[in-house]
Structure formats: structure tokens, C-alpha cells
Amino acid sequence: YKAMQKGDEATARELQAVSDSLGKLYQENRLLPDSLSALKVLLHSLNECDKYVLPPLQKLLEKDEEETVERFQQYYANYKKKLN
């Protein structure tokens, strides 16, 4: 938002691509309830919140939790390399 406000379209597009990629990590092939549960799992992996959800949402299967966090960690590691 701030990049576009400043007229820095290149940075805005780059940040939007990052946002799209992160969203894809927890949204792809999931319905909204499962996407929200996956987002909570990712935030939990960053110590930002608990991964627990209240009904009608359901906890992800452990295998799905592990896969989601692993994909996020791989994405983050690659993104950090790109920044350096």
C-alpha cells in the first residue's frame, strides 16, 4: 500500500507477488475453513498465536500441518536468500 502511495509500482508489484505466494501456501486446494486453520498453523510456527480453532472450524490433520509449515519454511528460506 505504502509503495503505491509513493508511486513505487515495481516494489508494490514485488510485494504483491510475495503476498500471493504466501497466500497460496495456506489457501491452495483448501476451502475457507481449512485455509483459516492452516493460517493459524503458520502463525503458530512463528510464535504469533495458538494453532487451535473453534467450531465450526476444524484442526488440520497432523500430516497437513507438517506439510504446510515445511512449505512455509522452504519459501521463507528461499526468500531470505533472494534478499541477501
PDB file of N, CA and C in Angstrom:
ATOM      1  N   TYR A   1       0.826  -1.190   0.000  1.00  0.00           N
ATOM      2  CA  TYR A   1       0.000   0.000   0.000  1.00  0.00           C
ATOM      3  C   TYR A   1       0.871   1.255   0.000  1.00  0.00           C
ATOM      4  N   LYS A   2       1.855   1.275   0.916  1.00  0.00           N
ATOM      5  CA  LYS A   2       2.709   2.459   1.015  1.00  0.00           C
ATOM      6  C   LYS A   2       3.543   2.651  -0.250  1.00  0.00           C
ATOM      7  N   ALA A   3       3.986   1.547  -0.839  1.00  0.00           N
ATOM      8  CA  ALA A   3       4.768   1.648  -2.071  1.00  0.00           C
ATOM      9  C   ALA A   3       3.935   2.294  -3.176  1.00  0.00           C
ATOM     10  N   MET A   4       2.694   1.901  -3.311  1.00  0.00           N
ATOM     11  CA  MET A   4       1.839   2.500  -4.337  1.00  0.00           C
ATOM     12  C   MET A   4       1.536   3.958  -4.018  1.00  0.00           C
ATOM     13  N   GLN A   5       1.364   4.244  -2.748  1.00  0.00           N
ATOM     14  CA  GLN A   5       1.120   5.639  -2.359  1.00  0.00           C
ATOM     15  C   GLN A   5       2.299   6.527  -2.752  1.00  0.00           C
ATOM     16  N   LYS A   6       3.509   5.947  -2.676  1.00  0.00           N
ATOM     17  CA  LYS A   6       4.714   6.691  -3.047  1.00  0.00           C
ATOM     18  C   LYS A   6       4.968   6.652  -4.553  1.00  0.00           C
ATOM     19  N   GLY A   7       4.163   5.886  -5.287  1.00  0.00           N
ATOM     20  CA  GLY A   7       4.343   5.780  -6.721  1.00  0.00           C
ATOM     21  C   GLY A   7       5.391   4.749  -7.126  1.00  0.00           C
ATOM     22  N   ASP A   8       5.784   3.884  -6.183  1.00  0.00           N
ATOM     23  CA  ASP A   8       6.795   2.857  -6.455  1.00  0.00           C
ATOM     24  C   ASP A   8       6.100   1.573  -6.899  1.00  0.00           C
ATOM     25  N   GLU A   9       5.707   1.561  -8.159  1.00  0.00           N
ATOM     26  CA  GLU A   9       4.931   0.442  -8.677  1.00  0.00           C
ATOM     27  C   GLU A   9       5.722  -0.861  -8.686  1.00  0.00           C
ATOM     28  N   ALA A  10       7.013  -0.796  -8.959  1.00  0.00           N
ATOM     29  CA  ALA A  10       7.838  -2.014  -9.014  1.00  0.00           C
ATOM     30  C   ALA A  10       7.871  -2.710  -7.651  1.00  0.00           C
ATOM     31  N   THR A  11       8.080  -1.949  -6.599  1.00  0.00           N
ATOM     32  CA  THR A  11       8.096  -2.525  -5.249  1.00  0.00           C
ATOM     33  C   THR A  11       6.713  -3.050  -4.878  1.00  0.00           C
ATOM     34  N   ALA A  12       5.686  -2.310  -5.228  1.00  0.00           N
ATOM     35  CA  ALA A  12       4.317  -2.747  -4.932  1.00  0.00           C
ATOM     36  C   ALA A  12       4.017  -4.076  -5.614  1.00  0.00           C
ATOM     37  N   ARG A  13       4.416  -4.211  -6.862  1.00  0.00           N
ATOM     38  CA  ARG A  13       4.183  -5.470  -7.579  1.00  0.00           C
ATOM     39  C   ARG A  13       4.987  -6.618  -6.962  1.00  0.00           C
ATOM     40  N   GLU A  14       6.220  -6.341  -6.563  1.00  0.00           N
ATOM     41  CA  GLU A  14       7.049  -7.373  -5.933  1.00  0.00           C
ATOM     42  C   GLU A  14       6.436  -7.826  -4.609  1.00  0.00           C
ATOM     43  N   LEU A  15       5.991  -6.888  -3.807  1.00  0.00           N
ATOM     44  CA  LEU A  15       5.373  -7.233  -2.526  1.00  0.00           C
ATOM     45  C   LEU A  15       4.046  -7.955  -2.720  1.00  0.00           C
ATOM     46  N   GLN A  16       3.301  -7.592  -3.747  1.00  0.00           N
ATOM     47  CA  GLN A  16       2.051  -8.298  -4.048  1.00  0.00           C
ATOM     48  C   GLN A  16       2.352  -9.743  -4.440  1.00  0.00           C
ATOM     49  N   ALA A  17       3.431  -9.959  -5.192  1.00  0.00           N
ATOM     50  CA  ALA A  17       3.819 -11.321  -5.576  1.00  0.00           C
ATOM     51  C   ALA A  17       4.184 -12.142  -4.345  1.00  0.00           C
ATOM     52  N   VAL A  18       4.861 -11.524  -3.388  1.00  0.00           N
ATOM     53  CA  VAL A  18       5.191 -12.212  -2.137  1.00  0.00           C
ATOM     54  C   VAL A  18       3.910 -12.564  -1.392  1.00  0.00           C
ATOM     55  N   SER A  19       2.998 -11.614  -1.297  1.00  0.00           N
ATOM     56  CA  SER A  19       1.723 -11.857  -0.623  1.00  0.00           C
ATOM     57  C   SER A  19       0.941 -12.976  -1.308  1.00  0.00           C
ATOM     58  N   ASP A  20       0.920 -12.973  -2.632  1.00  0.00           N
ATOM     59  CA  ASP A  20       0.221 -14.022  -3.377  1.00  0.00           C
ATOM     60  C   ASP A  20       0.834 -15.390  -3.110  1.00  0.00           C
ATOM     61  N   SER A  21       2.161 -15.445  -3.069  1.00  0.00           N
ATOM     62  CA  SER A  21       2.855 -16.720  -2.815  1.00  0.00           C
ATOM     63  C   SER A  21       2.570 -17.238  -1.413  1.00  0.00           C
ATOM     64  N   LEU A  22       2.589 -16.337  -0.438  1.00  0.00           N
ATOM     65  CA  LEU A  22       2.295 -16.749   0.937  1.00  0.00           C
ATOM     66  C   LEU A  22       0.853 -17.217   1.063  1.00  0.00           C
ATOM     67  N   GLY A  23      -0.061 -16.504   0.433  1.00  0.00           N
ATOM     68  CA  GLY A  23      -1.459 -16.919   0.468  1.00  0.00           C
ATOM     69  C   GLY A  23      -1.660 -18.286  -0.150  1.00  0.00           C
ATOM     70  N   LYS A  24      -0.927 -18.541  -1.219  1.00  0.00           N
ATOM     71  CA  LYS A  24      -1.033 -19.838  -1.896  1.00  0.00           C
ATOM     72  C   LYS A  24      -0.602 -20.976  -0.974  1.00  0.00           C
ATOM     73  N   LEU A  25       0.362 -20.706  -0.092  1.00  0.00           N
ATOM     74  CA  LEU A  25       0.853 -21.750   0.819  1.00  0.00           C
ATOM     75  C   LEU A  25      -0.254 -22.316   1.708  1.00  0.00           C
ATOM     76  N   TYR A  26      -1.132 -21.467   2.163  1.00  0.00           N
ATOM     77  CA  TYR A  26      -2.158 -21.971   3.082  1.00  0.00           C
ATOM     78  C   TYR A  26      -3.562 -22.018   2.475  1.00  0.00           C
ATOM     79  N   GLN A  27      -3.747 -21.448   1.279  1.00  0.00           N
ATOM     80  CA  GLN A  27      -5.075 -21.433   0.677  1.00  0.00           C
ATOM     81  C   GLN A  27      -5.259 -22.462  -0.437  1.00  0.00           C
ATOM     82  N   GLU A  28      -4.193 -22.778  -1.145  1.00  0.00           N
ATOM     83  CA  GLU A  28      -4.303 -23.622  -2.336  1.00  0.00           C
ATOM     84  C   GLU A  28      -4.928 -24.982  -2.008  1.00  0.00           C
ATOM     85  N   ASN A  29      -5.911 -25.352  -2.783  1.00  0.00           N
ATOM     86  CA  ASN A  29      -6.624 -26.636  -2.664  1.00  0.00           C
ATOM     87  C   ASN A  29      -7.336 -26.802  -1.322  1.00  0.00           C
ATOM     88  N   ARG A  30      -7.700 -25.696  -0.693  1.00  0.00           N
ATOM     89  CA  ARG A  30      -8.422 -25.750   0.575  1.00  0.00           C
ATOM     90  C   ARG A  30      -9.645 -24.854   0.500  1.00  0.00           C
ATOM     91  N   LEU A  31     -10.687 -25.272   1.197  1.00  0.00           N
ATOM     92  CA  LEU A  31     -11.840 -24.410   1.384  1.00  0.00           C
ATOM     93  C   LEU A  31     -11.514 -23.408   2.485  1.00  0.00           C
ATOM     94  N   LEU A  32     -12.304 -22.372   2.602  1.00  0.00           N
ATOM     95  CA  LEU A  32     -12.028 -21.308   3.562  1.00  0.00           C
ATOM     96  C   LEU A  32     -11.791 -21.812   4.991  1.00  0.00           C
ATOM     97  N   PRO A  33     -12.626 -22.703   5.528  1.00  0.00           N
ATOM     98  CA  PRO A  33     -12.378 -23.156   6.903  1.00  0.00           C
ATOM     99  C   PRO A  33     -10.991 -23.799   7.079  1.00  0.00           C
ATOM    100  N   ASP A  34     -10.588 -24.617   6.112  1.00  0.00           N
ATOM    101  CA  ASP A  34      -9.276 -25.254   6.206  1.00  0.00           C
ATOM    102  C   ASP A  34      -8.150 -24.247   5.980  1.00  0.00           C
ATOM    103  N   SER A  35      -8.394 -23.242   5.139  1.00  0.00           N
ATOM    104  CA  SER A  35      -7.397 -22.193   4.922  1.00  0.00           C
ATOM    105  C   SER A  35      -7.144 -21.420   6.211  1.00  0.00           C
ATOM    106  N   LEU A  36      -8.212 -21.114   6.929  1.00  0.00           N
ATOM    107  CA  LEU A  36      -8.058 -20.389   8.191  1.00  0.00           C
ATOM    108  C   LEU A  36      -7.291 -21.231   9.216  1.00  0.00           C
ATOM    109  N   SER A  37      -7.573 -22.517   9.256  1.00  0.00           N
ATOM    110  CA  SER A  37      -6.848 -23.409  10.166  1.00  0.00           C
ATOM    111  C   SER A  37      -5.379 -23.474   9.773  1.00  0.00           C
ATOM    112  N   ALA A  38      -5.099 -23.531   8.480  1.00  0.00           N
ATOM    113  CA  ALA A  38      -3.711 -23.575   8.003  1.00  0.00           C
ATOM    114  C   ALA A  38      -2.985 -22.271   8.322  1.00  0.00           C
ATOM    115  N   LEU A  39      -3.669 -21.148   8.181  1.00  0.00           N
ATOM    116  CA  LEU A  39      -3.070 -19.858   8.532  1.00  0.00           C
ATOM    117  C   LEU A  39      -2.704 -19.827  10.010  1.00  0.00           C
ATOM    118  N   LYS A  40      -3.593 -20.333  10.848  1.00  0.00           N
ATOM    119  CA  LYS A  40      -3.289 -20.393  12.287  1.00  0.00           C
ATOM    120  C   LYS A  40      -2.059 -21.259  12.554  1.00  0.00           C
ATOM    121  N   VAL A  41      -1.918 -22.363  11.830  1.00  0.00           N
ATOM    122  CA  VAL A  41      -0.752 -23.234  11.978  1.00  0.00           C
ATOM    123  C   VAL A  41       0.515 -22.462  11.610  1.00  0.00           C
ATOM    124  N   LEU A  42       0.478 -21.706  10.506  1.00  0.00           N
ATOM    125  CA  LEU A  42       1.643 -20.922  10.103  1.00  0.00           C
ATOM    126  C   LEU A  42       1.979 -19.855  11.140  1.00  0.00           C
ATOM    127  N   LEU A  43       0.975 -19.153  11.624  1.00  0.00           N
ATOM    128  CA  LEU A  43       1.214 -18.133  12.643  1.00  0.00           C
ATOM    129  C   LEU A  43       1.751 -18.756  13.925  1.00  0.00           C
ATOM    130  N   HIS A  44       1.270 -19.945  14.251  1.00  0.00           N
ATOM    131  CA  HIS A  44       1.786 -20.662  15.427  1.00  0.00           C
ATOM    132  C   HIS A  44       3.266 -21.003  15.232  1.00  0.00           C
ATOM    133  N   SER A  45       3.648 -21.375  14.008  1.00  0.00           N
ATOM    134  CA  SER A  45       5.057 -21.718  13.757  1.00  0.00           C
ATOM    135  C   SER A  45       5.968 -20.504  13.938  1.00  0.00           C
ATOM    136  N   LEU A  46       5.385 -19.296  13.890  1.00  0.00           N
ATOM    137  CA  LEU A  46       6.130 -18.052  14.122  1.00  0.00           C
ATOM    138  C   LEU A  46       5.932 -17.530  15.543  1.00  0.00           C
ATOM    139  N   ASN A  47       5.302 -18.339  16.393  1.00  0.00           N
ATOM    140  CA  ASN A  47       5.015 -17.963  17.787  1.00  0.00           C
ATOM    141  C   ASN A  47       4.136 -16.718  17.885  1.00  0.00           C
ATOM    142  N   GLU A  48       3.211 -16.578  16.939  1.00  0.00           N
ATOM    143  CA  GLU A  48       2.317 -15.419  16.936  1.00  0.00           C
ATOM    144  C   GLU A  48       0.969 -15.718  17.575  1.00  0.00           C
ATOM    145  N   CYS A  49       0.570 -16.990  17.596  1.00  0.00           N
ATOM    146  CA  CYS A  49      -0.710 -17.356  18.197  1.00  0.00           C
ATOM    147  C   CYS A  49      -0.760 -18.872  18.379  1.00  0.00           C
ATOM    148  N   ASP A  50      -1.794 -19.326  19.041  1.00  0.00           N
ATOM    149  CA  ASP A  50      -2.024 -20.766  19.146  1.00  0.00           C
ATOM    150  C   ASP A  50      -2.600 -21.261  17.830  1.00  0.00           C
ATOM    151  N   LYS A  51      -2.434 -22.545  17.577  1.00  0.00           N
ATOM    152  CA  LYS A  51      -2.959 -23.105  16.333  1.00  0.00           C
ATOM    153  C   LYS A  51      -4.378 -23.638  16.488  1.00  0.00           C
ATOM    154  N   TYR A  52      -4.921 -23.530  17.675  1.00  0.00           N
ATOM    155  CA  TYR A  52      -6.250 -24.069  17.933  1.00  0.00           C
ATOM    156  C   TYR A  52      -7.319 -23.201  17.294  1.00  0.00           C
ATOM    157  N   VAL A  53      -8.386 -23.844  16.846  1.00  0.00           N
ATOM    158  CA  VAL A  53      -9.523 -23.149  16.248  1.00  0.00           C
ATOM    159  C   VAL A  53     -10.795 -23.600  16.954  1.00  0.00           C
ATOM    160  N   LEU A  54     -11.790 -22.760  16.881  1.00  0.00           N
ATOM    161  CA  LEU A  54     -13.087 -23.072  17.496  1.00  0.00           C
ATOM    162  C   LEU A  54     -14.062 -23.537  16.426  1.00  0.00           C
ATOM    163  N   PRO A  55     -15.031 -24.358  16.831  1.00  0.00           N
ATOM    164  CA  PRO A  55     -16.055 -24.789  15.883  1.00  0.00           C
ATOM    165  C   PRO A  55     -16.760 -23.577  15.282  1.00  0.00           C
ATOM    166  N   PRO A  56     -17.114 -23.641  14.060  1.00  0.00           N
ATOM    167  CA  PRO A  56     -17.189 -24.811  13.194  1.00  0.00           C
ATOM    168  C   PRO A  56     -15.874 -25.152  12.483  1.00  0.00           C
ATOM    169  N   LEU A  57     -14.810 -24.380  12.728  1.00  0.00           N
ATOM    170  CA  LEU A  57     -13.531 -24.726  12.115  1.00  0.00           C
ATOM    171  C   LEU A  57     -12.998 -26.004  12.737  1.00  0.00           C
ATOM    172  N   GLN A  58     -12.161 -26.699  11.975  1.00  0.00           N
ATOM    173  CA  GLN A  58     -11.571 -27.947  12.465  1.00  0.00           C
ATOM    174  C   GLN A  58     -10.060 -27.882  12.341  1.00  0.00           C
ATOM    175  N   LYS A  59      -9.414 -28.536  13.264  1.00  0.00           N
ATOM    176  CA  LYS A  59      -7.961 -28.643  13.261  1.00  0.00           C
ATOM    177  C   LYS A  59      -7.527 -29.413  12.016  1.00  0.00           C
ATOM    178  N   LEU A  60      -6.388 -29.003  11.437  1.00  0.00           N
ATOM    179  CA  LEU A  60      -5.845 -29.754  10.306  1.00  0.00           C
ATOM    180  C   LEU A  60      -5.292 -31.094  10.790  1.00  0.00           C
ATOM    181  N   LEU A  61      -5.235 -32.039   9.905  1.00  0.00           N
ATOM    182  CA  LEU A  61      -4.554 -33.292  10.219  1.00  0.00           C
ATOM    183  C   LEU A  61      -3.079 -32.991  10.462  1.00  0.00           C
ATOM    184  N   GLU A  62      -2.447 -33.754  11.328  1.00  0.00           N
ATOM    185  CA  GLU A  62      -1.046 -33.511  11.667  1.00  0.00           C
ATOM    186  C   GLU A  62      -0.159 -33.503  10.423  1.00  0.00           C
ATOM    187  N   LYS A  63      -0.428 -34.424   9.507  1.00  0.00           N
ATOM    188  CA  LYS A  63       0.343 -34.503   8.260  1.00  0.00           C
ATOM    189  C   LYS A  63       0.211 -33.193   7.472  1.00  0.00           C
ATOM    190  N   ASP A  64      -0.998 -32.649   7.412  1.00  0.00           N
ATOM    191  CA  ASP A  64      -1.230 -31.395   6.694  1.00  0.00           C
ATOM    192  C   ASP A  64      -0.559 -30.219   7.399  1.00  0.00           C
ATOM    193  N   GLU A  65      -0.578 -30.240   8.729  1.00  0.00           N
ATOM    194  CA  GLU A  65       0.113 -29.190   9.486  1.00  0.00           C
ATOM    195  C   GLU A  65       1.605 -29.204   9.161  1.00  0.00           C
ATOM    196  N   GLU A  66       2.198 -30.384   9.241  1.00  0.00           N
ATOM    197  CA  GLU A  66       3.638 -30.511   8.995  1.00  0.00           C
ATOM    198  C   GLU A  66       3.994 -30.079   7.582  1.00  0.00           C
ATOM    199  N   GLU A  67       3.196 -30.496   6.615  1.00  0.00           N
ATOM    200  CA  GLU A  67       3.453 -30.146   5.216  1.00  0.00           C
ATOM    201  C   GLU A  67       3.342 -28.636   4.999  1.00  0.00           C
ATOM    202  N   THR A  68       2.342 -28.018   5.599  1.00  0.00           N
ATOM    203  CA  THR A  68       2.143 -26.579   5.449  1.00  0.00           C
ATOM    204  C   THR A  68       3.308 -25.806   6.044  1.00  0.00           C
ATOM    205  N   VAL A  69       3.734 -26.178   7.241  1.00  0.00           N
ATOM    206  CA  VAL A  69       4.857 -25.490   7.888  1.00  0.00           C
ATOM    207  C   VAL A  69       6.139 -25.717   7.098  1.00  0.00           C
ATOM    208  N   GLU A  70       6.344 -26.920   6.609  1.00  0.00           N
ATOM    209  CA  GLU A  70       7.545 -27.214   5.827  1.00  0.00           C
ATOM    210  C   GLU A  70       7.588 -26.369   4.552  1.00  0.00           C
ATOM    211  N   ARG A  71       6.470 -26.270   3.862  1.00  0.00           N
ATOM    212  CA  ARG A  71       6.412 -25.450   2.649  1.00  0.00           C
ATOM    213  C   ARG A  71       6.688 -23.985   2.971  1.00  0.00           C
ATOM    214  N   PHE A  72       6.148 -23.503   4.089  1.00  0.00           N
ATOM    215  CA  PHE A  72       6.385 -22.125   4.501  1.00  0.00           C
ATOM    216  C   PHE A  72       7.864 -21.904   4.815  1.00  0.00           C
ATOM    217  N   GLN A  73       8.471 -22.826   5.537  1.00  0.00           N
ATOM    218  CA  GLN A  73       9.887 -22.687   5.885  1.00  0.00           C
ATOM    219  C   GLN A  73      10.768 -22.699   4.642  1.00  0.00           C
ATOM    220  N   GLN A  74      10.434 -23.535   3.675  1.00  0.00           N
ATOM    221  CA  GLN A  74      11.186 -23.562   2.417  1.00  0.00           C
ATOM    222  C   GLN A  74      11.024 -22.238   1.674  1.00  0.00           C
ATOM    223  N   TYR A  75       9.800 -21.737   1.618  1.00  0.00           N
ATOM    224  CA  TYR A  75       9.562 -20.458   0.949  1.00  0.00           C
ATOM    225  C   TYR A  75      10.357 -19.350   1.630  1.00  0.00           C
ATOM    226  N   TYR A  76      10.298 -19.301   2.954  1.00  0.00           N
ATOM    227  CA  TYR A  76      10.987 -18.252   3.709  1.00  0.00           C
ATOM    228  C   TYR A  76      12.495 -18.333   3.522  1.00  0.00           C
ATOM    229  N   ALA A  77      13.047 -19.540   3.550  1.00  0.00           N
ATOM    230  CA  ALA A  77      14.488 -19.706   3.349  1.00  0.00           C
ATOM    231  C   ALA A  77      14.894 -19.205   1.963  1.00  0.00           C
ATOM    232  N   ASN A  78      14.119 -19.537   0.951  1.00  0.00           N
ATOM    233  CA  ASN A  78      14.409 -19.071  -0.407  1.00  0.00           C
ATOM    234  C   ASN A  78      14.267 -17.556  -0.521  1.00  0.00           C
ATOM    235  N   TYR A  79      13.285 -17.005   0.144  1.00  0.00           N
ATOM    236  CA  TYR A  79      13.068 -15.557   0.103  1.00  0.00           C
ATOM    237  C   TYR A  79      14.223 -14.831   0.791  1.00  0.00           C
ATOM    238  N   LYS A  80      14.688 -15.362   1.925  1.00  0.00           N
ATOM    239  CA  LYS A  80      15.828 -14.755   2.622  1.00  0.00           C
ATOM    240  C   LYS A  80      17.077 -14.760   1.744  1.00  0.00           C
ATOM    241  N   LYS A  81      17.302 -15.869   1.024  1.00  0.00           N
ATOM    242  CA  LYS A  81      18.455 -15.951   0.115  1.00  0.00           C
ATOM    243  C   LYS A  81      18.354 -14.866  -0.961  1.00  0.00           C
ATOM    244  N   LYS A  82      17.159 -14.659  -1.456  1.00  0.00           N
ATOM    245  CA  LYS A  82      16.937 -13.656  -2.503  1.00  0.00           C
ATOM    246  C   LYS A  82      17.262 -12.257  -1.988  1.00  0.00           C
ATOM    247  N   LEU A  83      16.965 -11.998  -0.725  1.00  0.00           N
ATOM    248  CA  LEU A  83      17.212 -10.668  -0.156  1.00  0.00           C
ATOM    249  C   LEU A  83      18.697 -10.407   0.074  1.00  0.00           C
ATOM    250  N   ASN A  84      19.462 -11.455   0.293  1.00  0.00           N
ATOM    251  CA  ASN A  84      20.901 -11.284   0.592  1.00  0.00           C
ATOM    252  C   ASN A  84      21.735 -11.177  -0.627  1.00  0.00           C
TER     253      ASN A  84
END
